[in-house]
N, C-alpha and C. Protein backbone atom coordinates (compact mmCIF):
# COMPACT_ATOMS: atom_id res chain seq x y z
N UNK A 1 -11.40 -181.96 144.75
CA UNK A 1 -12.41 -182.66 145.72
C UNK A 1 -12.21 -183.03 146.95
N UNK A 2 -13.21 -183.08 147.61
CA UNK A 2 -13.16 -183.90 148.88
C UNK A 2 -13.22 -185.58 148.51
N UNK A 3 -12.63 -186.25 148.86
CA UNK A 3 -12.60 -188.10 148.92
C UNK A 3 -14.20 -188.24 149.36
N UNK A 4 -14.97 -188.75 148.31
CA UNK A 4 -16.25 -189.40 148.74
C UNK A 4 -16.11 -190.57 148.94
N UNK A 5 -17.05 -190.74 150.00
CA UNK A 5 -17.00 -192.08 151.04
C UNK A 5 -18.02 -193.01 150.44
N UNK A 6 -17.18 -194.07 150.52
CA UNK A 6 -17.83 -195.35 150.06
C UNK A 6 -18.51 -196.00 151.15
N UNK A 7 -19.76 -196.59 150.77
CA UNK A 7 -20.73 -197.42 151.57
C UNK A 7 -20.44 -198.77 151.65
N UNK A 8 -19.61 -199.58 150.70
CA UNK A 8 -19.13 -200.81 150.73
C UNK A 8 -17.77 -201.08 149.71
N UNK A 9 -16.90 -201.59 150.31
CA UNK A 9 -15.61 -202.28 149.27
C UNK A 9 -15.58 -203.53 149.58
N UNK A 10 -14.59 -204.49 148.15
CA UNK A 10 -14.58 -205.47 148.52
C UNK A 10 -14.18 -206.07 147.39
N UNK A 11 -13.67 -207.51 147.24
CA UNK A 11 -13.58 -208.11 146.25
C UNK A 11 -14.90 -209.09 145.55
N UNK A 12 -15.06 -208.74 144.51
CA UNK A 12 -16.18 -209.74 143.79
C UNK A 12 -15.78 -210.15 142.29
N UNK A 13 -16.29 -211.12 142.29
CA UNK A 13 -15.83 -211.81 140.96
C UNK A 13 -17.31 -211.13 139.75
N UNK A 14 -16.78 -210.93 138.83
CA UNK A 14 -18.04 -210.36 137.80
C UNK A 14 -17.77 -211.22 136.58
N UNK A 15 -18.60 -211.33 136.05
CA UNK A 15 -18.69 -212.19 134.35
C UNK A 15 -18.16 -210.75 133.27
N UNK A 16 -17.41 -211.73 132.48
CA UNK A 16 -17.07 -210.17 131.48
C UNK A 16 -18.18 -210.16 130.82
N UNK A 17 -18.24 -208.48 129.97
CA UNK A 17 -19.51 -208.43 128.92
C UNK A 17 -19.42 -209.17 127.64
N UNK A 18 -17.81 -209.14 127.33
CA UNK A 18 -17.36 -209.60 125.85
C UNK A 18 -17.25 -210.82 125.83
N UNK A 19 -16.13 -211.10 126.50
CA UNK A 19 -15.49 -212.59 127.13
C UNK A 19 -16.36 -212.77 128.11
N UNK A 20 -16.91 -213.81 127.92
CA UNK A 20 -17.88 -214.21 129.05
C UNK A 20 -17.22 -214.92 130.13
N UNK A 21 -15.88 -214.83 130.87
CA UNK A 21 -15.28 -215.39 131.57
C UNK A 21 -15.20 -214.38 132.68
N UNK A 22 -14.68 -215.22 134.23
CA UNK A 22 -15.20 -214.35 135.15
C UNK A 22 -13.80 -213.88 135.78
N UNK A 23 -13.87 -212.36 136.22
CA UNK A 23 -13.04 -211.89 136.53
C UNK A 23 -12.86 -211.17 137.95
N UNK A 24 -11.96 -211.59 138.49
CA UNK A 24 -11.77 -211.01 140.27
C UNK A 24 -11.63 -209.16 140.18
N UNK A 25 -12.65 -208.40 140.57
CA UNK A 25 -12.31 -206.80 140.65
C UNK A 25 -12.46 -206.49 142.12
N UNK A 26 -12.13 -205.36 142.44
CA UNK A 26 -12.20 -204.64 143.55
C UNK A 26 -13.05 -203.68 143.09
N UNK A 27 -14.16 -204.04 143.86
CA UNK A 27 -15.96 -203.41 143.85
C UNK A 27 -15.79 -202.09 145.19
N UNK A 28 -16.10 -200.90 144.65
CA UNK A 28 -16.67 -200.14 145.52
C UNK A 28 -17.65 -199.28 144.93
N UNK A 29 -18.60 -199.44 146.10
CA UNK A 29 -19.95 -199.14 146.29
C UNK A 29 -20.18 -197.31 146.79
N UNK A 30 -20.51 -196.45 146.06
CA UNK A 30 -20.99 -194.95 146.31
C UNK A 30 -22.60 -194.94 146.22
N UNK A 31 -22.88 -193.70 146.65
CA UNK A 31 -24.37 -193.47 147.07
C UNK A 31 -24.95 -193.51 145.56
N UNK A 32 -24.68 -193.55 144.52
CA UNK A 32 -25.11 -193.98 142.90
C UNK A 32 -24.54 -194.54 141.93
N UNK A 33 -23.46 -195.42 142.64
CA UNK A 33 -22.70 -195.93 141.48
C UNK A 33 -21.90 -196.99 142.06
N UNK A 34 -20.82 -197.87 141.29
CA UNK A 34 -20.11 -198.93 141.45
C UNK A 34 -19.14 -198.50 140.78
N UNK A 35 -17.79 -198.13 141.36
CA UNK A 35 -16.41 -198.41 140.32
C UNK A 35 -16.09 -199.69 140.69
N UNK A 36 -15.32 -200.37 140.10
CA UNK A 36 -14.37 -201.39 139.98
C UNK A 36 -13.14 -201.28 139.30
N UNK A 37 -11.95 -201.77 140.25
CA UNK A 37 -10.47 -201.97 139.76
C UNK A 37 -9.95 -203.16 139.85
N UNK A 38 -8.63 -202.98 139.53
CA UNK A 38 -8.14 -203.97 139.71
C UNK A 38 -7.55 -204.72 140.61
N UNK A 39 -6.82 -203.37 141.88
CA UNK A 39 -6.47 -204.04 143.09
C UNK A 39 -7.09 -203.11 144.00
N UNK A 40 -7.48 -203.49 145.20
CA UNK A 40 -7.75 -202.48 146.13
C UNK A 40 -6.83 -201.03 146.23
N UNK A 41 -5.57 -200.68 145.80
CA UNK A 41 -5.51 -199.31 145.76
C UNK A 41 -6.10 -198.54 144.99
N UNK A 42 -6.69 -198.91 144.22
CA UNK A 42 -7.88 -198.29 143.08
C UNK A 42 -7.18 -197.49 142.27
N UNK A 43 -6.08 -197.84 141.72
CA UNK A 43 -5.39 -196.80 140.67
C UNK A 43 -5.70 -197.21 139.35
N UNK A 44 -6.12 -198.76 139.28
CA UNK A 44 -6.51 -198.89 137.43
C UNK A 44 -8.16 -199.08 137.63
N UNK A 45 -8.75 -198.27 137.68
CA UNK A 45 -10.44 -198.00 137.20
C UNK A 45 -10.92 -199.14 135.88
N UNK A 46 -11.59 -200.32 135.85
CA UNK A 46 -11.98 -200.98 134.96
C UNK A 46 -13.22 -200.70 134.83
N UNK A 47 -14.07 -199.93 135.21
CA UNK A 47 -15.50 -199.85 135.05
C UNK A 47 -16.36 -199.32 135.44
N UNK A 48 -17.63 -198.72 135.57
CA UNK A 48 -18.62 -198.25 136.32
C UNK A 48 -19.62 -198.45 136.09
N UNK A 49 -20.73 -198.67 136.97
CA UNK A 49 -22.34 -199.25 136.85
C UNK A 49 -22.99 -198.18 137.61
N UNK A 50 -23.70 -197.31 136.83
CA UNK A 50 -24.27 -196.48 137.25
C UNK A 50 -25.91 -196.98 138.26
N UNK A 51 -26.32 -196.73 139.29
CA UNK A 51 -27.22 -197.23 140.17
C UNK A 51 -28.57 -196.73 139.87
N UNK A 52 -28.39 -195.21 139.71
CA UNK A 52 -29.75 -194.68 139.96
C UNK A 52 -30.89 -194.27 138.45
N UNK A 53 -31.14 -195.67 137.67
CA UNK A 53 -31.75 -195.64 136.41
C UNK A 53 -33.31 -196.65 136.76
N UNK A 54 -32.94 -196.75 138.24
CA UNK A 54 -34.55 -197.62 138.69
C UNK A 54 -34.46 -199.15 137.95
N UNK A 55 -33.21 -199.60 138.01
CA UNK A 55 -33.09 -201.44 137.78
C UNK A 55 -33.22 -202.07 139.18
N UNK A 56 -32.92 -203.60 139.19
CA UNK A 56 -33.30 -204.09 140.00
C UNK A 56 -31.93 -205.22 140.55
N UNK A 57 -31.60 -205.66 141.42
CA UNK A 57 -30.61 -206.54 141.45
C UNK A 57 -31.69 -207.83 142.58
N UNK A 58 -31.30 -209.14 142.31
CA UNK A 58 -31.85 -210.20 142.39
C UNK A 58 -30.71 -211.20 142.62
N UNK A 59 -31.12 -212.41 143.79
CA UNK A 59 -30.44 -213.74 144.02
C UNK A 59 -30.60 -214.59 142.70
N UNK A 60 -29.44 -215.41 142.43
CA UNK A 60 -29.86 -216.54 141.73
C UNK A 60 -28.76 -217.73 141.71
N UNK A 61 -29.47 -218.63 141.34
CA UNK A 61 -28.23 -219.93 141.21
C UNK A 61 -28.20 -220.63 140.04
N UNK A 62 -26.86 -221.20 139.77
CA UNK A 62 -26.79 -222.31 138.60
C UNK A 62 -26.22 -223.24 139.55
N UNK A 63 -26.29 -224.60 138.67
CA UNK A 63 -25.74 -225.77 139.18
C UNK A 63 -23.97 -225.37 139.65
N UNK A 64 -23.16 -224.95 139.06
CA UNK A 64 -22.14 -224.61 139.24
C UNK A 64 -21.89 -223.12 140.22
N UNK A 65 -22.61 -222.50 140.10
CA UNK A 65 -22.57 -221.14 140.69
C UNK A 65 -23.62 -221.07 142.18
N UNK A 66 -23.24 -221.58 143.49
CA UNK A 66 -24.02 -221.21 144.36
C UNK A 66 -24.60 -219.55 144.72
N UNK A 67 -23.86 -218.98 144.58
CA UNK A 67 -24.13 -217.57 145.06
C UNK A 67 -23.99 -216.66 144.20
N UNK A 68 -25.08 -216.45 143.50
CA UNK A 68 -24.82 -215.38 142.28
C UNK A 68 -25.67 -214.17 142.45
N UNK A 69 -25.33 -213.11 142.38
CA UNK A 69 -26.09 -211.76 142.10
C UNK A 69 -26.22 -211.36 140.50
N UNK A 70 -27.22 -210.81 140.32
CA UNK A 70 -28.10 -210.42 138.96
C UNK A 70 -28.22 -209.00 139.47
N UNK A 71 -27.38 -208.09 138.27
CA UNK A 71 -27.73 -206.58 138.40
C UNK A 71 -28.20 -206.17 137.33
N UNK A 72 -29.46 -205.28 137.17
CA UNK A 72 -29.94 -204.87 135.66
C UNK A 72 -29.63 -203.42 136.15
N UNK A 73 -28.99 -202.89 136.03
CA UNK A 73 -28.77 -201.40 136.68
C UNK A 73 -29.95 -200.34 136.20
N UNK A 74 -30.93 -200.81 135.03
CA UNK A 74 -31.96 -199.85 134.57
C UNK A 74 -33.00 -200.39 133.75
N UNK A 75 -34.22 -199.91 133.86
CA UNK A 75 -35.13 -200.35 132.94
C UNK A 75 -35.52 -200.09 131.59
N UNK A 76 -34.05 -199.58 131.01
CA UNK A 76 -33.94 -199.61 129.74
C UNK A 76 -34.00 -200.97 129.10
N UNK A 77 -34.95 -201.08 127.56
CA UNK A 77 -34.79 -202.26 127.12
C UNK A 77 -33.38 -202.36 126.60
N UNK A 78 -33.04 -203.56 126.51
CA UNK A 78 -31.41 -204.55 126.36
C UNK A 78 -30.49 -203.99 127.23
N UNK A 79 -30.93 -203.40 128.42
CA UNK A 79 -30.15 -203.01 129.43
C UNK A 79 -29.09 -204.42 129.92
N UNK A 80 -27.70 -204.23 130.27
CA UNK A 80 -27.06 -205.17 130.44
C UNK A 80 -27.22 -205.95 131.50
N UNK A 81 -27.32 -207.41 131.84
CA UNK A 81 -27.76 -207.70 133.19
C UNK A 81 -26.35 -208.47 133.63
N UNK A 82 -25.84 -207.52 134.44
CA UNK A 82 -24.47 -208.05 135.32
C UNK A 82 -24.63 -208.98 136.35
N UNK A 83 -23.73 -209.97 136.43
CA UNK A 83 -23.34 -211.10 137.23
C UNK A 83 -22.35 -210.86 137.96
N UNK A 84 -22.57 -211.37 139.24
CA UNK A 84 -21.36 -211.51 140.62
C UNK A 84 -21.38 -212.55 141.06
N UNK A 85 -20.42 -213.14 141.28
CA UNK A 85 -20.49 -214.51 142.06
C UNK A 85 -19.74 -214.22 143.20
N UNK A 86 -19.99 -215.28 144.24
CA UNK A 86 -19.72 -214.86 145.52
C UNK A 86 -19.42 -216.68 146.26
N UNK A 87 -18.11 -216.54 147.19
CA UNK A 87 -17.84 -217.92 147.72
C UNK A 87 -18.89 -218.23 148.86
N UNK A 88 -19.66 -217.22 149.22
CA UNK A 88 -20.29 -217.39 150.43
C UNK A 88 -21.40 -216.84 150.35
N UNK A 89 -22.49 -217.12 151.44
CA UNK A 89 -23.82 -216.23 151.31
C UNK A 89 -23.73 -215.35 151.47
N UNK A 90 -23.23 -215.05 152.94
CA UNK A 90 -23.23 -213.95 153.63
C UNK A 90 -22.54 -212.90 153.09
N UNK A 91 -21.68 -212.88 152.39
CA UNK A 91 -20.84 -211.95 151.48
C UNK A 91 -21.91 -211.41 150.23
N UNK A 92 -22.66 -212.55 149.70
CA UNK A 92 -23.40 -212.16 148.67
C UNK A 92 -24.76 -211.38 149.13
N UNK A 93 -25.14 -211.65 150.35
CA UNK A 93 -26.54 -210.84 150.78
C UNK A 93 -25.91 -209.80 151.37
N UNK A 94 -24.84 -209.55 152.18
CA UNK A 94 -24.04 -208.33 152.11
C UNK A 94 -24.38 -206.92 151.15
N UNK A 95 -23.48 -207.55 149.98
CA UNK A 95 -23.58 -206.65 148.72
C UNK A 95 -25.00 -206.70 148.06
N UNK A 96 -25.81 -207.49 148.41
CA UNK A 96 -27.26 -207.61 147.37
C UNK A 96 -27.44 -206.68 148.47
N UNK A 97 -27.51 -206.61 149.77
CA UNK A 97 -28.41 -205.73 150.52
C UNK A 97 -27.94 -204.16 150.36
N UNK A 98 -26.77 -203.87 150.29
CA UNK A 98 -25.98 -202.62 150.31
C UNK A 98 -26.04 -202.15 148.93
N UNK A 99 -26.57 -202.93 148.01
CA UNK A 99 -26.70 -202.07 146.20
C UNK A 99 -28.16 -202.26 146.54
N UNK A 100 -29.14 -202.86 146.86
CA UNK A 100 -30.31 -202.74 146.84
C UNK A 100 -30.63 -201.51 147.57
N UNK A 101 -29.99 -201.27 148.79
CA UNK A 101 -30.26 -200.06 149.51
C UNK A 101 -30.16 -198.60 148.67
N UNK A 102 -28.65 -198.52 148.11
CA UNK A 102 -28.55 -197.62 147.06
C UNK A 102 -29.67 -197.38 146.10
N UNK A 103 -30.18 -198.47 145.33
CA UNK A 103 -31.07 -198.18 144.30
C UNK A 103 -32.73 -197.64 144.86
N UNK A 104 -32.69 -198.64 145.88
CA UNK A 104 -34.29 -197.73 146.52
C UNK A 104 -34.24 -196.11 146.92
N UNK A 105 -32.78 -195.90 147.44
CA UNK A 105 -32.77 -194.47 147.45
C UNK A 105 -33.14 -193.71 146.77
N UNK A 106 -32.06 -193.93 145.47
CA UNK A 106 -32.09 -193.36 144.13
C UNK A 106 -33.44 -193.42 143.42
N UNK A 107 -34.10 -194.62 143.65
CA UNK A 107 -35.61 -194.42 142.61
C UNK A 107 -36.53 -193.42 143.58
N UNK A 108 -36.23 -193.60 144.98
CA UNK A 108 -37.35 -192.68 145.81
C UNK A 108 -37.06 -190.89 145.14
N UNK A 109 -35.83 -190.54 145.00
CA UNK A 109 -35.23 -189.73 144.76
C UNK A 109 -35.67 -188.92 143.26
N UNK A 110 -35.84 -189.94 142.42
CA UNK A 110 -36.07 -189.66 140.94
C UNK A 110 -37.73 -189.68 141.21
N UNK A 111 -38.18 -190.09 141.90
CA UNK A 111 -39.82 -189.88 141.79
C UNK A 111 -40.26 -189.24 142.57
N UNK A 112 -39.69 -188.34 143.39
CA UNK A 112 -40.01 -187.22 144.47
C UNK A 112 -40.12 -186.23 143.36
N UNK A 113 -41.24 -185.57 144.10
CA UNK A 113 -41.32 -184.15 143.24
C UNK A 113 -40.54 -183.46 143.66
N UNK A 114 -39.99 -182.38 143.20
CA UNK A 114 -39.16 -181.39 143.53
C UNK A 114 -39.60 -180.18 144.06
N UNK A 115 -40.50 -180.64 145.59
CA UNK A 115 -40.71 -179.70 146.23
C UNK A 115 -41.29 -180.19 147.32
N UNK A 116 -40.76 -179.54 148.41
CA UNK A 116 -40.79 -180.16 149.85
C UNK A 116 -42.40 -179.62 150.36
N UNK A 117 -43.19 -180.65 151.16
CA UNK A 117 -44.33 -180.23 151.76
C UNK A 117 -44.50 -178.91 152.21
N UNK A 118 -43.34 -178.17 152.43
CA UNK A 118 -43.90 -176.75 153.26
C UNK A 118 -44.01 -175.76 152.05
N UNK A 119 -43.74 -175.99 150.92
CA UNK A 119 -44.16 -175.53 149.64
C UNK A 119 -42.93 -174.73 149.05
N UNK A 120 -41.66 -174.93 149.79
CA UNK A 120 -40.26 -174.06 149.34
C UNK A 120 -40.21 -174.99 148.66
N UNK A 121 -39.21 -174.27 147.42
CA UNK A 121 -38.78 -175.10 146.21
C UNK A 121 -37.69 -175.63 146.99
N UNK A 122 -37.36 -177.24 146.60
CA UNK A 122 -36.03 -178.05 146.98
C UNK A 122 -34.76 -177.25 145.98
N UNK A 123 -33.89 -177.75 146.54
CA UNK A 123 -32.83 -177.01 145.99
C UNK A 123 -32.36 -178.09 144.98
N UNK A 124 -32.79 -179.29 145.10
CA UNK A 124 -32.48 -180.79 144.35
C UNK A 124 -33.62 -180.90 143.25
N UNK A 125 -33.23 -180.94 141.99
CA UNK A 125 -34.60 -181.46 141.21
C UNK A 125 -34.12 -182.56 140.19
N UNK A 126 -34.91 -183.57 139.89
CA UNK A 126 -34.61 -184.86 139.27
C UNK A 126 -35.80 -184.94 138.12
N UNK A 127 -34.79 -185.10 137.10
CA UNK A 127 -35.71 -185.12 135.56
C UNK A 127 -36.18 -186.59 135.19
N UNK A 128 -37.15 -186.74 134.65
CA UNK A 128 -37.69 -188.05 134.17
C UNK A 128 -38.41 -187.98 133.29
N UNK A 129 -38.40 -188.41 131.61
CA UNK A 129 -39.02 -188.04 130.97
C UNK A 129 -40.15 -188.58 131.02
N UNK A 130 -41.40 -187.95 130.73
CA UNK A 130 -43.06 -188.44 130.88
C UNK A 130 -43.50 -188.34 132.04
N UNK A 131 -42.42 -187.41 133.41
CA UNK A 131 -43.39 -187.76 134.58
C UNK A 131 -43.46 -186.05 134.77
N UNK A 132 -44.67 -185.96 135.67
CA UNK A 132 -45.18 -184.56 136.11
C UNK A 132 -44.36 -183.90 137.09
N UNK A 133 -44.00 -183.02 136.91
CA UNK A 133 -43.17 -182.25 137.94
C UNK A 133 -44.08 -181.03 138.44
N UNK A 134 -43.63 -180.75 139.66
CA UNK A 134 -44.15 -179.26 140.25
C UNK A 134 -43.25 -178.32 140.52
N UNK A 135 -43.46 -177.30 140.60
CA UNK A 135 -42.54 -176.33 140.50
C UNK A 135 -43.15 -175.40 141.33
N UNK A 136 -41.99 -174.84 142.01
CA UNK A 136 -42.51 -173.72 143.45
C UNK A 136 -42.41 -172.57 142.41
N UNK A 137 -43.32 -171.77 142.59
CA UNK A 137 -42.92 -170.11 142.45
C UNK A 137 -44.00 -169.23 142.91
N UNK A 138 -43.71 -167.94 142.97
CA UNK A 138 -44.42 -167.04 144.28
C UNK A 138 -45.78 -167.07 144.01
N UNK A 139 -46.18 -167.53 142.80
CA UNK A 139 -48.08 -167.79 142.72
C UNK A 139 -48.50 -168.98 143.57
N UNK A 140 -47.89 -169.81 143.59
CA UNK A 140 -48.35 -171.37 144.42
C UNK A 140 -47.42 -171.93 143.35
N UNK A 141 -48.51 -173.47 143.39
CA UNK A 141 -47.30 -174.77 142.79
C UNK A 141 -48.35 -174.60 141.63
N UNK A 142 -47.19 -175.17 140.49
CA UNK A 142 -47.35 -174.86 138.97
C UNK A 142 -46.79 -176.37 138.18
N UNK A 143 -47.92 -176.87 137.90
CA UNK A 143 -47.44 -178.28 137.38
C UNK A 143 -46.33 -177.91 136.12
N UNK A 144 -45.39 -178.65 135.83
CA UNK A 144 -44.53 -178.42 134.47
C UNK A 144 -44.17 -179.32 133.98
N UNK A 145 -44.41 -179.67 132.53
CA UNK A 145 -44.15 -181.14 132.22
C UNK A 145 -43.06 -180.84 130.94
N UNK A 146 -42.15 -179.50 131.03
CA UNK A 146 -41.23 -179.42 130.35
C UNK A 146 -41.07 -179.85 129.17
N UNK A 147 -42.03 -179.48 128.02
CA UNK A 147 -42.47 -179.34 126.56
C UNK A 147 -41.79 -178.37 126.01
N UNK A 148 -40.16 -178.82 125.70
CA UNK A 148 -39.56 -177.69 125.05
C UNK A 148 -39.55 -177.10 123.68
N UNK A 149 -40.35 -178.01 123.23
CA UNK A 149 -40.92 -177.19 121.72
C UNK A 149 -41.95 -176.12 121.88
N UNK A 150 -42.41 -176.12 123.02
CA UNK A 150 -43.49 -174.55 123.13
C UNK A 150 -43.02 -173.77 124.15
N UNK A 151 -41.45 -173.29 123.74
CA UNK A 151 -41.05 -172.56 124.64
C UNK A 151 -41.87 -170.62 124.53
N UNK A 152 -41.96 -170.60 123.25
CA UNK A 152 -42.80 -169.23 123.00
C UNK A 152 -43.96 -168.85 123.41
N UNK A 153 -44.59 -170.09 123.20
CA UNK A 153 -45.75 -170.08 123.53
C UNK A 153 -46.64 -170.00 124.64
N UNK A 154 -46.62 -168.70 125.13
CA UNK A 154 -47.42 -168.53 126.40
C UNK A 154 -48.69 -168.10 126.52
N UNK A 155 -49.85 -168.64 125.79
CA UNK A 155 -51.10 -168.49 125.80
C UNK A 155 -51.60 -169.15 126.95
N UNK A 156 -51.87 -168.05 128.25
CA UNK A 156 -52.51 -168.72 129.13
C UNK A 156 -51.89 -169.42 129.95
N UNK A 157 -52.75 -169.85 131.39
CA UNK A 157 -51.82 -171.06 132.21
C UNK A 157 -52.70 -172.12 132.52
N UNK A 158 -53.90 -172.28 131.68
CA UNK A 158 -54.58 -173.20 131.69
C UNK A 158 -54.25 -174.62 131.63
N UNK A 159 -53.38 -174.74 130.70
CA UNK A 159 -52.45 -176.11 130.55
C UNK A 159 -51.49 -176.63 131.37
N UNK A 160 -50.57 -175.24 131.70
CA UNK A 160 -49.84 -175.42 132.74
C UNK A 160 -50.35 -176.01 134.41
N UNK A 161 -51.49 -175.40 134.62
CA UNK A 161 -52.13 -175.41 136.07
C UNK A 161 -53.05 -176.56 136.00
N UNK A 162 -53.24 -177.25 134.80
CA UNK A 162 -54.65 -178.38 134.83
C UNK A 162 -53.96 -179.23 135.91
N UNK A 163 -52.50 -179.63 136.35
CA UNK A 163 -52.30 -180.79 137.33
C UNK A 163 -52.53 -180.35 138.57
N UNK A 164 -52.56 -178.92 139.09
CA UNK A 164 -51.94 -178.33 140.07
C UNK A 164 -52.78 -177.39 140.26
N UNK A 165 -52.96 -175.97 140.10
CA UNK A 165 -53.83 -174.83 140.38
C UNK A 165 -52.87 -174.10 141.20
N UNK A 166 -53.58 -173.19 141.43
CA UNK A 166 -53.25 -171.90 142.23
C UNK A 166 -52.92 -172.13 143.72
N UNK A 167 -53.07 -171.32 144.69
CA UNK A 167 -52.59 -171.65 145.93
C UNK A 167 -53.85 -172.54 146.71
N UNK A 168 -52.93 -173.24 147.52
CA UNK A 168 -53.93 -174.10 148.39
C UNK A 168 -54.29 -175.03 147.60
N UNK A 169 -54.41 -175.24 146.48
CA UNK A 169 -55.16 -176.40 145.96
C UNK A 169 -54.70 -177.65 146.40
N UNK A 170 -53.54 -178.12 146.95
CA UNK A 170 -53.32 -179.21 146.71
C UNK A 170 -52.09 -179.66 145.75
N UNK A 171 -52.81 -179.72 144.67
CA UNK A 171 -51.74 -179.99 143.50
C UNK A 171 -51.95 -181.69 143.45
N UNK A 172 -50.86 -182.06 142.59
CA UNK A 172 -50.57 -183.28 142.33
C UNK A 172 -49.64 -184.24 142.80
N UNK A 173 -49.28 -183.23 144.24
CA UNK A 173 -48.14 -184.07 144.62
C UNK A 173 -48.21 -185.29 145.70
N UNK A 174 -49.58 -185.87 145.62
CA UNK A 174 -49.77 -186.91 146.25
C UNK A 174 -49.31 -187.00 147.70
N UNK A 175 -49.24 -185.96 148.71
CA UNK A 175 -48.47 -186.14 149.69
C UNK A 175 -49.96 -186.08 150.68
């Protein structure tokens, strides 16, 4: 496949997950994740951090670490808090901004209802449990909550249409 374009690359010092020492790694930020390597030649990958789960990144300080970022990639309970240290504020802020931009884009896509405002179905759909989705159909907009347990249960459209309705009703898309 085609080489994916990196948004940002550079040396970052990260705290280990099990052995809590600091390790220098070559970080590469993509549109949905960070990959990190032993060296800039990217031959030896050491890990990935996915940034599409609605987490957050903040600056922090400790007496011995003036420039520290804390990344929580997900809102899941017990999610690892990644720590990255920098030797200058400008570099820390550049990474914080770039990672925050990716997380904001991913959050918007996840929360976007997979229907464009002109009523055509979008080619991309994002699934999030417990979220009401709108599905483009030839009859208009229909709310779907993807309850897989009731596949054969075809009794009427009332339940499925409760949030949206038929042609021109506006639905629950919040536009």
